[in-house]
Amino acid sequence: MNQNEVKLYEARANIIKALAHPSRLYIVDMLNKQPRAVGELTEMIGADTSTVSKHLSVLKNAGIVVDEKRGTAVIYTLKCPCILDFIGCIEEVIESNTKTQVEILSCCKTRAAR
């Protein structure tokens, strides 16, 4: 790999790492529905405000969300909703893996019944 390719793959990996937490994936889903304040997300996730703020900071640093101060509240929105296409692809992989596991299990049960 040349230096430009290394930088590209590092940038991709950083975005994927930012998504690599269940709470952050949940935040992305919730922000897809509508912009939300930290307090709202904190209540929805069931974590303390500092934890949710750290998750939002990771997503913001990766360029996935943006924030806007409205009065005393900070409102977060998805910067690039196309990230949901990637998440949809992940769900297709999960579905495919599940089908494969069901096929394997079905084969095993058939052999055990003989």
PDB file of N, CA and C in Angstrom:
ATOM      1  N   MET A   1       0.848  -1.192   0.000  1.00  0.00           N
ATOM      2  CA  MET A   1       0.000   0.000   0.000  1.00  0.00           C
ATOM      3  C   MET A   1       0.888   1.247   0.000  1.00  0.00           C
ATOM      4  N   ASN A   2       0.426   2.248  -0.749  1.00  0.00           N
ATOM      5  CA  ASN A   2       1.149   3.515  -0.697  1.00  0.00           C
ATOM      6  C   ASN A   2       0.588   4.370   0.446  1.00  0.00           C
ATOM      7  N   GLN A   3       1.209   5.499   0.696  1.00  0.00           N
ATOM      8  CA  GLN A   3       0.825   6.352   1.835  1.00  0.00           C
ATOM      9  C   GLN A   3      -0.612   6.864   1.731  1.00  0.00           C
ATOM     10  N   ASN A   4      -1.054   7.197   0.532  1.00  0.00           N
ATOM     11  CA  ASN A   4      -2.438   7.666   0.369  1.00  0.00           C
ATOM     12  C   ASN A   4      -3.437   6.564   0.677  1.00  0.00           C
ATOM     13  N   GLU A   5      -3.123   5.351   0.256  1.00  0.00           N
ATOM     14  CA  GLU A   5      -4.002   4.221   0.555  1.00  0.00           C
ATOM     15  C   GLU A   5      -4.047   3.948   2.053  1.00  0.00           C
ATOM     16  N   VAL A   6      -2.906   4.044   2.708  1.00  0.00           N
ATOM     17  CA  VAL A   6      -2.845   3.843   4.162  1.00  0.00           C
ATOM     18  C   VAL A   6      -3.743   4.856   4.855  1.00  0.00           C
ATOM     19  N   LYS A   7      -3.638   6.116   4.448  1.00  0.00           N
ATOM     20  CA  LYS A   7      -4.461   7.167   5.057  1.00  0.00           C
ATOM     21  C   LYS A   7      -5.948   6.911   4.829  1.00  0.00           C
ATOM     22  N   LEU A   8      -6.301   6.473   3.621  1.00  0.00           N
ATOM     23  CA  LEU A   8      -7.698   6.176   3.315  1.00  0.00           C
ATOM     24  C   LEU A   8      -8.224   5.051   4.196  1.00  0.00           C
ATOM     25  N   TYR A   9      -7.463   3.962   4.296  1.00  0.00           N
ATOM     26  CA  TYR A   9      -7.920   2.821   5.099  1.00  0.00           C
ATOM     27  C   TYR A   9      -7.928   3.142   6.589  1.00  0.00           C
ATOM     28  N   GLU A  10      -7.022   3.975   7.042  1.00  0.00           N
ATOM     29  CA  GLU A  10      -7.047   4.414   8.447  1.00  0.00           C
ATOM     30  C   GLU A  10      -8.295   5.259   8.712  1.00  0.00           C
ATOM     31  N   ALA A  11      -8.633   6.140   7.778  1.00  0.00           N
ATOM     32  CA  ALA A  11      -9.829   6.978   7.940  1.00  0.00           C
ATOM     33  C   ALA A  11     -11.086   6.110   7.980  1.00  0.00           C
ATOM     34  N   ARG A  12     -11.152   5.119   7.104  1.00  0.00           N
ATOM     35  CA  ARG A  12     -12.292   4.195   7.114  1.00  0.00           C
ATOM     36  C   ARG A  12     -12.370   3.442   8.433  1.00  0.00           C
ATOM     37  N   ALA A  13     -11.231   2.952   8.884  1.00  0.00           N
ATOM     38  CA  ALA A  13     -11.200   2.196  10.144  1.00  0.00           C
ATOM     39  C   ALA A  13     -11.644   3.063  11.317  1.00  0.00           C
ATOM     40  N   ASN A  14     -11.270   4.329  11.320  1.00  0.00           N
ATOM     41  CA  ASN A  14     -11.671   5.222  12.415  1.00  0.00           C
ATOM     42  C   ASN A  14     -13.180   5.415  12.457  1.00  0.00           C
ATOM     43  N   ILE A  15     -13.806   5.495  11.302  1.00  0.00           N
ATOM     44  CA  ILE A  15     -15.268   5.635  11.262  1.00  0.00           C
ATOM     45  C   ILE A  15     -15.925   4.349  11.753  1.00  0.00           C
ATOM     46  N   ILE A  16     -15.415   3.219  11.301  1.00  0.00           N
ATOM     47  CA  ILE A  16     -15.976   1.932  11.742  1.00  0.00           C
ATOM     48  C   ILE A  16     -15.782   1.749  13.241  1.00  0.00           C
ATOM     49  N   LYS A  17     -14.617   2.138  13.757  1.00  0.00           N
ATOM     50  CA  LYS A  17     -14.367   2.050  15.207  1.00  0.00           C
ATOM     51  C   LYS A  17     -15.358   2.917  15.981  1.00  0.00           C
ATOM     52  N   ALA A  18     -15.672   4.089  15.437  1.00  0.00           N
ATOM     53  CA  ALA A  18     -16.614   4.988  16.119  1.00  0.00           C
ATOM     54  C   ALA A  18     -17.996   4.355  16.232  1.00  0.00           C
ATOM     55  N   LEU A  19     -18.344   3.518  15.278  1.00  0.00           N
ATOM     56  CA  LEU A  19     -19.654   2.856  15.303  1.00  0.00           C
ATOM     57  C   LEU A  19     -19.639   1.576  16.132  1.00  0.00           C
ATOM     58  N   ALA A  20     -18.466   1.126  16.525  1.00  0.00           N
ATOM     59  CA  ALA A  20     -18.305  -0.194  17.139  1.00  0.00           C
ATOM     60  C   ALA A  20     -18.679  -0.238  18.619  1.00  0.00           C
ATOM     61  N   HIS A  21     -19.858   0.244  18.930  1.00  0.00           N
ATOM     62  CA  HIS A  21     -20.386   0.160  20.300  1.00  0.00           C
ATOM     63  C   HIS A  21     -21.909   0.159  20.203  1.00  0.00           C
ATOM     64  N   PRO A  22     -22.572  -0.737  20.916  1.00  0.00           N
ATOM     65  CA  PRO A  22     -24.037  -0.800  20.826  1.00  0.00           C
ATOM     66  C   PRO A  22     -24.742   0.529  21.111  1.00  0.00           C
ATOM     67  N   SER A  23     -24.276   1.259  22.095  1.00  0.00           N
ATOM     68  CA  SER A  23     -24.926   2.541  22.415  1.00  0.00           C
ATOM     69  C   SER A  23     -24.767   3.543  21.281  1.00  0.00           C
ATOM     70  N   ARG A  24     -23.602   3.548  20.634  1.00  0.00           N
ATOM     71  CA  ARG A  24     -23.394   4.486  19.533  1.00  0.00           C
ATOM     72  C   ARG A  24     -24.248   4.104  18.323  1.00  0.00           C
ATOM     73  N   LEU A  25     -24.395   2.820  18.074  1.00  0.00           N
ATOM     74  CA  LEU A  25     -25.285   2.384  16.994  1.00  0.00           C
ATOM     75  C   LEU A  25     -26.726   2.789  17.300  1.00  0.00           C
ATOM     76  N   TYR A  26     -27.115   2.663  18.559  1.00  0.00           N
ATOM     77  CA  TYR A  26     -28.462   3.070  18.981  1.00  0.00           C
ATOM     78  C   TYR A  26     -28.644   4.580  18.773  1.00  0.00           C
ATOM     79  N   ILE A  27     -27.633   5.349  19.146  1.00  0.00           N
ATOM     80  CA  ILE A  27     -27.701   6.805  18.973  1.00  0.00           C
ATOM     81  C   ILE A  27     -27.893   7.147  17.496  1.00  0.00           C
ATOM     82  N   VAL A  28     -27.150   6.497  16.624  1.00  0.00           N
ATOM     83  CA  VAL A  28     -27.284   6.742  15.188  1.00  0.00           C
ATOM     84  C   VAL A  28     -28.713   6.443  14.738  1.00  0.00           C
ATOM     85  N   ASP A  29     -29.261   5.323  15.192  1.00  0.00           N
ATOM     86  CA  ASP A  29     -30.651   4.989  14.848  1.00  0.00           C
ATOM     87  C   ASP A  29     -31.626   6.052  15.344  1.00  0.00           C
ATOM     88  N   MET A  30     -31.444   6.504  16.570  1.00  0.00           N
ATOM     89  CA  MET A  30     -32.359   7.493  17.142  1.00  0.00           C
ATOM     90  C   MET A  30     -32.224   8.840  16.441  1.00  0.00           C
ATOM     91  N   LEU A  31     -31.000   9.220  16.081  1.00  0.00           N
ATOM     92  CA  LEU A  31     -30.804  10.493  15.387  1.00  0.00           C
ATOM     93  C   LEU A  31     -31.309  10.425  13.945  1.00  0.00           C
ATOM     94  N   ASN A  32     -31.404   9.239  13.406  1.00  0.00           N
ATOM     95  CA  ASN A  32     -31.985   9.093  12.074  1.00  0.00           C
ATOM     96  C   ASN A  32     -33.468   9.463  12.100  1.00  0.00           C
ATOM     97  N   LYS A  33     -34.111   9.197  13.219  1.00  0.00           N
ATOM     98  CA  LYS A  33     -35.540   9.508  13.340  1.00  0.00           C
ATOM     99  C   LYS A  33     -35.782  10.995  13.527  1.00  0.00           C
ATOM    100  N   GLN A  34     -34.918  11.631  14.335  1.00  0.00           N
ATOM    101  CA  GLN A  34     -35.030  13.074  14.558  1.00  0.00           C
ATOM    102  C   GLN A  34     -33.836  13.559  15.370  1.00  0.00           C
ATOM    103  N   PRO A  35     -33.514  14.849  15.247  1.00  0.00           N
ATOM    104  CA  PRO A  35     -32.447  15.411  16.075  1.00  0.00           C
ATOM    105  C   PRO A  35     -32.827  15.302  17.555  1.00  0.00           C
ATOM    106  N   ARG A  36     -31.831  15.127  18.394  1.00  0.00           N
ATOM    107  CA  ARG A  36     -32.106  14.944  19.825  1.00  0.00           C
ATOM    108  C   ARG A  36     -31.046  15.628  20.684  1.00  0.00           C
ATOM    109  N   ALA A  37     -31.470  15.992  21.902  1.00  0.00           N
ATOM    110  CA  ALA A  37     -30.569  16.573  22.890  1.00  0.00           C
ATOM    111  C   ALA A  37     -29.908  15.455  23.694  1.00  0.00           C
ATOM    112  N   VAL A  38     -28.808  15.780  24.337  1.00  0.00           N
ATOM    113  CA  VAL A  38     -28.080  14.802  25.151  1.00  0.00           C
ATOM    114  C   VAL A  38     -28.990  14.204  26.214  1.00  0.00           C
ATOM    115  N   GLY A  39     -29.780  15.049  26.868  1.00  0.00           N
ATOM    116  CA  GLY A  39     -30.673  14.569  27.924  1.00  0.00           C
ATOM    117  C   GLY A  39     -31.668  13.539  27.427  1.00  0.00           C
ATOM    118  N   GLU A  40     -32.200  13.779  26.246  1.00  0.00           N
ATOM    119  CA  GLU A  40     -33.140  12.831  25.640  1.00  0.00           C
ATOM    120  C   GLU A  40     -32.468  11.486  25.393  1.00  0.00           C
ATOM    121  N   LEU A  41     -31.281  11.551  24.791  1.00  0.00           N
ATOM    122  CA  LEU A  41     -30.547  10.315  24.496  1.00  0.00           C
ATOM    123  C   LEU A  41     -30.143   9.590  25.771  1.00  0.00           C
ATOM    124  N   THR A  42     -29.775  10.351  26.780  1.00  0.00           N
ATOM    125  CA  THR A  42     -29.394   9.766  28.075  1.00  0.00           C
ATOM    126  C   THR A  42     -30.551   8.966  28.648  1.00  0.00           C
ATOM    127  N   GLU A  43     -31.734   9.554  28.594  1.00  0.00           N
ATOM    128  CA  GLU A  43     -32.935   8.885  29.108  1.00  0.00           C
ATOM    129  C   GLU A  43     -33.260   7.633  28.286  1.00  0.00           C
ATOM    130  N   MET A  44     -33.124   7.735  26.983  1.00  0.00           N
ATOM    131  CA  MET A  44     -33.444   6.607  26.104  1.00  0.00           C
ATOM    132  C   MET A  44     -32.478   5.434  26.296  1.00  0.00           C
ATOM    133  N   ILE A  45     -31.205   5.761  26.462  1.00  0.00           N
ATOM    134  CA  ILE A  45     -30.178   4.726  26.606  1.00  0.00           C
ATOM    135  C   ILE A  45     -30.175   4.146  28.016  1.00  0.00           C
ATOM    136  N   GLY A  46     -30.474   4.992  28.993  1.00  0.00           N
ATOM    137  CA  GLY A  46     -30.450   4.538  30.378  1.00  0.00           C
ATOM    138  C   GLY A  46     -29.052   4.582  30.970  1.00  0.00           C
ATOM    139  N   ALA A  47     -28.234   5.484  30.472  1.00  0.00           N
ATOM    140  CA  ALA A  47     -26.869   5.655  30.986  1.00  0.00           C
ATOM    141  C   ALA A  47     -26.763   7.060  31.569  1.00  0.00           C
ATOM    142  N   ASP A  48     -25.629   7.344  32.206  1.00  0.00           N
ATOM    143  CA  ASP A  48     -25.472   8.688  32.760  1.00  0.00           C
ATOM    144  C   ASP A  48     -25.050   9.653  31.647  1.00  0.00           C
ATOM    145  N   THR A  49     -25.272  10.920  31.884  1.00  0.00           N
ATOM    146  CA  THR A  49     -25.030  11.960  30.881  1.00  0.00           C
ATOM    147  C   THR A  49     -23.580  11.972  30.400  1.00  0.00           C
ATOM    148  N   SER A  50     -22.622  11.777  31.299  1.00  0.00           N
ATOM    149  CA  SER A  50     -21.221  11.828  30.886  1.00  0.00           C
ATOM    150  C   SER A  50     -20.887  10.700  29.911  1.00  0.00           C
ATOM    151  N   THR A  51     -21.466   9.530  30.122  1.00  0.00           N
ATOM    152  CA  THR A  51     -21.226   8.402  29.215  1.00  0.00           C
ATOM    153  C   THR A  51     -21.810   8.685  27.842  1.00  0.00           C
ATOM    154  N   VAL A  52     -23.033   9.180  27.800  1.00  0.00           N
ATOM    155  CA  VAL A  52     -23.680   9.488  26.523  1.00  0.00           C
ATOM    156  C   VAL A  52     -22.920  10.616  25.830  1.00  0.00           C
ATOM    157  N   SER A  53     -22.470  11.596  26.578  1.00  0.00           N
ATOM    158  CA  SER A  53     -21.688  12.691  25.997  1.00  0.00           C
ATOM    159  C   SER A  53     -20.398  12.179  25.373  1.00  0.00           C
ATOM    160  N   LYS A  54     -19.760  11.213  26.023  1.00  0.00           N
ATOM    161  CA  LYS A  54     -18.535  10.617  25.455  1.00  0.00           C
ATOM    162  C   LYS A  54     -18.844   9.880  24.157  1.00  0.00           C
ATOM    163  N   HIS A  55     -19.950   9.144  24.135  1.00  0.00           N
ATOM    164  CA  HIS A  55     -20.345   8.449  22.907  1.00  0.00           C
ATOM    165  C   HIS A  55     -20.601   9.462  21.787  1.00  0.00           C
ATOM    166  N   LEU A  56     -21.298  10.539  22.098  1.00  0.00           N
ATOM    167  CA  LEU A  56     -21.575  11.570  21.104  1.00  0.00           C
ATOM    168  C   LEU A  56     -20.290  12.237  20.620  1.00  0.00           C
ATOM    169  N   SER A  57     -19.348  12.408  21.515  1.00  0.00           N
ATOM    170  CA  SER A  57     -18.062  12.992  21.150  1.00  0.00           C
ATOM    171  C   SER A  57     -17.309  12.097  20.164  1.00  0.00           C
ATOM    172  N   VAL A  58     -17.339  10.793  20.402  1.00  0.00           N
ATOM    173  CA  VAL A  58     -16.691   9.842  19.489  1.00  0.00           C
ATOM    174  C   VAL A  58     -17.344   9.930  18.110  1.00  0.00           C
ATOM    175  N   LEU A  59     -18.665   9.948  18.076  1.00  0.00           N
ATOM    176  CA  LEU A  59     -19.386  10.037  16.806  1.00  0.00           C
ATOM    177  C   LEU A  59     -19.123  11.371  16.105  1.00  0.00           C
ATOM    178  N   LYS A  60     -19.043  12.437  16.877  1.00  0.00           N
ATOM    179  CA  LYS A  60     -18.781  13.763  16.305  1.00  0.00           C
ATOM    180  C   LYS A  60     -17.360  13.823  15.742  1.00  0.00           C
ATOM    181  N   ASN A  61     -16.393  13.310  16.482  1.00  0.00           N
ATOM    182  CA  ASN A  61     -14.995  13.325  16.019  1.00  0.00           C
ATOM    183  C   ASN A  61     -14.806  12.501  14.754  1.00  0.00           C
ATOM    184  N   ALA A  62     -15.653  11.492  14.576  1.00  0.00           N
ATOM    185  CA  ALA A  62     -15.587  10.655  13.373  1.00  0.00           C
ATOM    186  C   ALA A  62     -16.348  11.286  12.205  1.00  0.00           C
ATOM    187  N   GLY A  63     -17.056  12.395  12.457  1.00  0.00           N
ATOM    188  CA  GLY A  63     -17.797  13.072  11.402  1.00  0.00           C
ATOM    189  C   GLY A  63     -19.151  12.459  11.105  1.00  0.00           C
ATOM    190  N   ILE A  64     -19.665  11.684  12.048  1.00  0.00           N
ATOM    191  CA  ILE A  64     -20.947  11.008  11.842  1.00  0.00           C
ATOM    192  C   ILE A  64     -22.108  11.874  12.307  1.00  0.00           C
ATOM    193  N   VAL A  65     -21.902  12.650  13.370  1.00  0.00           N
ATOM    194  CA  VAL A  65     -22.941  13.552  13.869  1.00  0.00           C
ATOM    195  C   VAL A  65     -22.389  14.971  13.970  1.00  0.00           C
ATOM    196  N   VAL A  66     -23.305  15.922  14.018  1.00  0.00           N
ATOM    197  CA  VAL A  66     -22.968  17.321  14.264  1.00  0.00           C
ATOM    198  C   VAL A  66     -23.850  17.814  15.404  1.00  0.00           C
ATOM    199  N   ASP A  67     -23.375  18.845  16.076  1.00  0.00           N
ATOM    200  CA  ASP A  67     -24.173  19.416  17.150  1.00  0.00           C
ATOM    201  C   ASP A  67     -24.437  20.891  16.884  1.00  0.00           C
ATOM    202  N   GLU A  68     -25.525  21.361  17.490  1.00  0.00           N
ATOM    203  CA  GLU A  68     -25.920  22.753  17.344  1.00  0.00           C
ATOM    204  C   GLU A  68     -26.496  23.208  18.681  1.00  0.00           C
ATOM    205  N   LYS A  69     -25.983  24.318  19.164  1.00  0.00           N
ATOM    206  CA  LYS A  69     -26.492  24.844  20.428  1.00  0.00           C
ATOM    207  C   LYS A  69     -27.783  25.606  20.157  1.00  0.00           C
ATOM    208  N   ARG A  70     -28.838  25.216  20.881  1.00  0.00           N
ATOM    209  CA  ARG A  70     -30.138  25.896  20.804  1.00  0.00           C
ATOM    210  C   ARG A  70     -30.520  26.303  22.218  1.00  0.00           C
ATOM    211  N   GLY A  71     -30.311  27.562  22.519  1.00  0.00           N
ATOM    212  CA  GLY A  71     -30.536  28.026  23.893  1.00  0.00           C
ATOM    213  C   GLY A  71     -29.533  27.361  24.812  1.00  0.00           C
ATOM    214  N   THR A  72     -30.035  26.655  25.816  1.00  0.00           N
ATOM    215  CA  THR A  72     -29.142  25.946  26.741  1.00  0.00           C
ATOM    216  C   THR A  72     -28.918  24.496  26.333  1.00  0.00           C
ATOM    217  N   ALA A  73     -29.645  24.037  25.320  1.00  0.00           N
ATOM    218  CA  ALA A  73     -29.535  22.640  24.886  1.00  0.00           C
ATOM    219  C   ALA A  73     -28.578  22.509  23.707  1.00  0.00           C
ATOM    220  N   VAL A  74     -27.924  21.353  23.641  1.00  0.00           N
ATOM    221  CA  VAL A  74     -27.111  21.000  22.484  1.00  0.00           C
ATOM    222  C   VAL A  74     -27.867  19.887  21.757  1.00  0.00           C
ATOM    223  N   ILE A  75     -28.202  20.147  20.505  1.00  0.00           N
ATOM    224  CA  ILE A  75     -28.978  19.208  19.702  1.00  0.00           C
ATOM    225  C   ILE A  75     -28.053  18.517  18.705  1.00  0.00           C
ATOM    226  N   TYR A  76     -28.157  17.202  18.655  1.00  0.00           N
ATOM    227  CA  TYR A  76     -27.332  16.399  17.748  1.00  0.00           C
ATOM    228  C   TYR A  76     -28.169  15.903  16.578  1.00  0.00           C
ATOM    229  N   THR A  77     -27.554  15.902  15.406  1.00  0.00           N
ATOM    230  CA  THR A  77     -28.173  15.363  14.198  1.00  0.00           C
ATOM    231  C   THR A  77     -27.139  14.529  13.445  1.00  0.00           C
ATOM    232  N   LEU A  78     -27.627  13.640  12.595  1.00  0.00           N
ATOM    233  CA  LEU A  78     -26.725  12.864  11.741  1.00  0.00           C
ATOM    234  C   LEU A  78     -26.148  13.791  10.681  1.00  0.00           C
ATOM    235  N   LYS A  79     -24.847  13.768  10.526  1.00  0.00           N
ATOM    236  CA  LYS A  79     -24.203  14.576   9.495  1.00  0.00           C
ATOM    237  C   LYS A  79     -24.342  13.892   8.140  1.00  0.00           C
ATOM    238  N   CYS A  80     -24.193  12.583   8.138  1.00  0.00           N
ATOM    239  CA  CYS A  80     -24.244  11.802   6.899  1.00  0.00           C
ATOM    240  C   CYS A  80     -25.189  10.619   7.087  1.00  0.00           C
ATOM    241  N   PRO A  81     -26.473  10.814   6.832  1.00  0.00           N
ATOM    242  CA  PRO A  81     -27.432   9.715   7.002  1.00  0.00           C
ATOM    243  C   PRO A  81     -27.110   8.484   6.157  1.00  0.00           C
ATOM    244  N   CYS A  82     -26.244   8.629   5.158  1.00  0.00           N
ATOM    245  CA  CYS A  82     -25.875   7.477   4.329  1.00  0.00           C
ATOM    246  C   CYS A  82     -25.173   6.388   5.150  1.00  0.00           C
ATOM    247  N   ILE A  83     -24.751   6.720   6.366  1.00  0.00           N
ATOM    248  CA  ILE A  83     -24.130   5.708   7.237  1.00  0.00           C
ATOM    249  C   ILE A  83     -25.115   4.573   7.500  1.00  0.00           C
ATOM    250  N   LEU A  84     -26.406   4.862   7.370  1.00  0.00           N
ATOM    251  CA  LEU A  84     -27.434   3.835   7.572  1.00  0.00           C
ATOM    252  C   LEU A  84     -27.394   2.775   6.479  1.00  0.00           C
ATOM    253  N   ASP A  85     -26.886   3.140   5.296  1.00  0.00           N
ATOM    254  CA  ASP A  85     -26.706   2.142   4.236  1.00  0.00           C
ATOM    255  C   ASP A  85     -25.699   1.089   4.687  1.00  0.00           C
ATOM    256  N   PHE A  86     -24.632   1.543   5.328  1.00  0.00           N
ATOM    257  CA  PHE A  86     -23.612   0.633   5.855  1.00  0.00           C
ATOM    258  C   PHE A  86     -24.216  -0.277   6.925  1.00  0.00           C
ATOM    259  N   ILE A  87     -25.012   0.309   7.808  1.00  0.00           N
ATOM    260  CA  ILE A  87     -25.647  -0.474   8.865  1.00  0.00           C
ATOM    261  C   ILE A  87     -26.629  -1.476   8.258  1.00  0.00           C
ATOM    262  N   GLY A  88     -27.339  -1.077   7.221  1.00  0.00           N
ATOM    263  CA  GLY A  88     -28.234  -1.993   6.523  1.00  0.00           C
ATOM    264  C   GLY A  88     -27.463  -3.165   5.931  1.00  0.00           C
ATOM    265  N   CYS A  89     -26.294  -2.888   5.391  1.00  0.00           N
ATOM    266  CA  CYS A  89     -25.448  -3.949   4.843  1.00  0.00           C
ATOM    267  C   CYS A  89     -25.010  -4.908   5.956  1.00  0.00           C
ATOM    268  N   ILE A  90     -24.688  -4.376   7.116  1.00  0.00           N
ATOM    269  CA  ILE A  90     -24.313  -5.225   8.252  1.00  0.00           C
ATOM    270  C   ILE A  90     -25.468  -6.154   8.615  1.00  0.00           C
ATOM    271  N   GLU A  91     -26.673  -5.620   8.602  1.00  0.00           N
ATOM    272  CA  GLU A  91     -27.841  -6.439   8.923  1.00  0.00           C
ATOM    273  C   GLU A  91     -28.063  -7.541   7.882  1.00  0.00           C
ATOM    274  N   GLU A  92     -27.719  -7.266   6.624  1.00  0.00           N
ATOM    275  CA  GLU A  92     -27.804  -8.297   5.593  1.00  0.00           C
ATOM    276  C   GLU A  92     -26.786  -9.410   5.862  1.00  0.00           C
ATOM    277  N   VAL A  93     -25.607  -9.037   6.324  1.00  0.00           N
ATOM    278  CA  VAL A  93     -24.594 -10.039   6.676  1.00  0.00           C
ATOM    279  C   VAL A  93     -25.089 -10.884   7.846  1.00  0.00           C
ATOM    280  N   ILE A  94     -25.688 -10.251   8.851  1.00  0.00           N
ATOM    281  CA  ILE A  94     -26.245 -10.984   9.997  1.00  0.00           C
ATOM    282  C   ILE A  94     -27.297 -11.973   9.523  1.00  0.00           C
ATOM    283  N   GLU A  95     -28.185 -11.512   8.641  1.00  0.00           N
ATOM    284  CA  GLU A  95     -29.243 -12.382   8.123  1.00  0.00           C
ATOM    285  C   GLU A  95     -28.648 -13.563   7.349  1.00  0.00           C
ATOM    286  N   SER A  96     -27.662 -13.286   6.533  1.00  0.00           N
ATOM    287  CA  SER A  96     -27.009 -14.345   5.754  1.00  0.00           C
ATOM    288  C   SER A  96     -26.336 -15.358   6.674  1.00  0.00           C
ATOM    289  N   ASN A  97     -25.646 -14.857   7.691  1.00  0.00           N
ATOM    290  CA  ASN A  97     -24.987 -15.747   8.657  1.00  0.00           C
ATOM    291  C   ASN A  97     -26.002 -16.595   9.403  1.00  0.00           C
ATOM    292  N   THR A  98     -27.138 -15.999   9.733  1.00  0.00           N
ATOM    293  CA  THR A  98     -28.185 -16.730  10.442  1.00  0.00           C
ATOM    294  C   THR A  98     -28.729 -17.855   9.564  1.00  0.00           C
ATOM    295  N   LYS A  99     -28.970 -17.543   8.298  1.00  0.00           N
ATOM    296  CA  LYS A  99     -29.459 -18.570   7.371  1.00  0.00           C
ATOM    297  C   LYS A  99     -28.457 -19.723   7.269  1.00  0.00           C
ATOM    298  N   THR A 100     -27.174 -19.385   7.195  1.00  0.00           N
ATOM    299  CA  THR A 100     -26.136 -20.422   7.110  1.00  0.00           C
ATOM    300  C   THR A 100     -26.138 -21.281   8.364  1.00  0.00           C
ATOM    301  N   GLN A 101     -26.261 -20.656   9.520  1.00  0.00           N
ATOM    302  CA  GLN A 101     -26.275 -21.403  10.779  1.00  0.00           C
ATOM    303  C   GLN A 101     -27.501 -22.314  10.864  1.00  0.00           C
ATOM    304  N   VAL A 102     -28.647 -21.835  10.392  1.00  0.00           N
ATOM    305  CA  VAL A 102     -29.872 -22.651  10.388  1.00  0.00           C
ATOM    306  C   VAL A 102     -29.681 -23.848   9.468  1.00  0.00           C
ATOM    307  N   GLU A 103     -29.068 -23.633   8.315  1.00  0.00           N
ATOM    308  CA  GLU A 103     -28.813 -24.734   7.379  1.00  0.00           C
ATOM    309  C   GLU A 103     -27.879 -25.767   8.008  1.00  0.00           C
ATOM    310  N   ILE A 104     -26.849 -25.308   8.674  1.00  0.00           N
ATOM    311  CA  ILE A 104     -25.912 -26.225   9.342  1.00  0.00           C
ATOM    312  C   ILE A 104     -26.629 -27.010  10.431  1.00  0.00           C
ATOM    313  N   LEU A 105     -27.414 -26.310  11.234  1.00  0.00           N
ATOM    314  CA  LEU A 105     -28.157 -26.964  12.309  1.00  0.00           C
ATOM    315  C   LEU A 105     -29.141 -27.986  11.752  1.00  0.00           C
ATOM    316  N   SER A 106     -29.825 -27.640  10.686  1.00  0.00           N
ATOM    317  CA  SER A 106     -30.772 -28.548  10.051  1.00  0.00           C
ATOM    318  C   SER A 106     -30.061 -29.785   9.555  1.00  0.00           C
ATOM    319  N   CYS A 107     -28.917 -29.619   8.985  1.00  0.00           N
ATOM    320  CA  CYS A 107     -28.120 -30.762   8.493  1.00  0.00           C
ATOM    321  C   CYS A 107     -27.706 -31.661   9.650  1.00  0.00           C
ATOM    322  N   CYS A 108     -27.294 -31.069  10.740  1.00  0.00           N
ATOM    323  CA  CYS A 108     -26.854 -31.835  11.915  1.00  0.00           C
ATOM    324  C   CYS A 108     -28.005 -32.618  12.516  1.00  0.00           C
ATOM    325  N   LYS A 109     -29.183 -31.993  12.599  1.00  0.00           N
ATOM    326  CA  LYS A 109     -30.346 -32.659  13.168  1.00  0.00           C
ATOM    327  C   LYS A 109     -30.770 -33.846  12.294  1.00  0.00           C
ATOM    328  N   THR A 110     -30.671 -33.655  10.968  1.00  0.00           N
ATOM    329  CA  THR A 110     -31.033 -34.731  10.038  1.00  0.00           C
ATOM    330  C   THR A 110     -30.106 -35.924  10.226  1.00  0.00           C
ATOM    331  N   ARG A 111     -28.826 -35.680  10.375  1.00  0.00           N
ATOM    332  CA  ARG A 111     -27.853 -36.765  10.578  1.00  0.00           C
ATOM    333  C   ARG A 111     -28.055 -37.449  11.922  1.00  0.00           C
ATOM    334  N   ALA A 112     -28.378 -36.670  12.938  1.00  0.00           N
ATOM    335  CA  ALA A 112     -28.564 -37.252  14.282  1.00  0.00           C
ATOM    336  C   ALA A 112     -29.812 -38.136  14.342  1.00  0.00           C
ATOM    337  N   ALA A 113     -30.788 -37.843  13.503  1.00  0.00           N
ATOM    338  CA  ALA A 113     -32.037 -38.604  13.508  1.00  0.00           C
ATOM    339  C   ALA A 113     -31.882 -39.959  12.823  1.00  0.00           C
ATOM    340  N   ARG A 114     -30.815 -40.132  12.080  1.00  0.00           N
ATOM    341  CA  ARG A 114     -30.615 -41.404  11.349  1.00  0.00           C
ATOM    342  C   ARG A 114     -30.242 -42.513  12.257  1.00  0.00           C
TER     343      ARG A 114
END
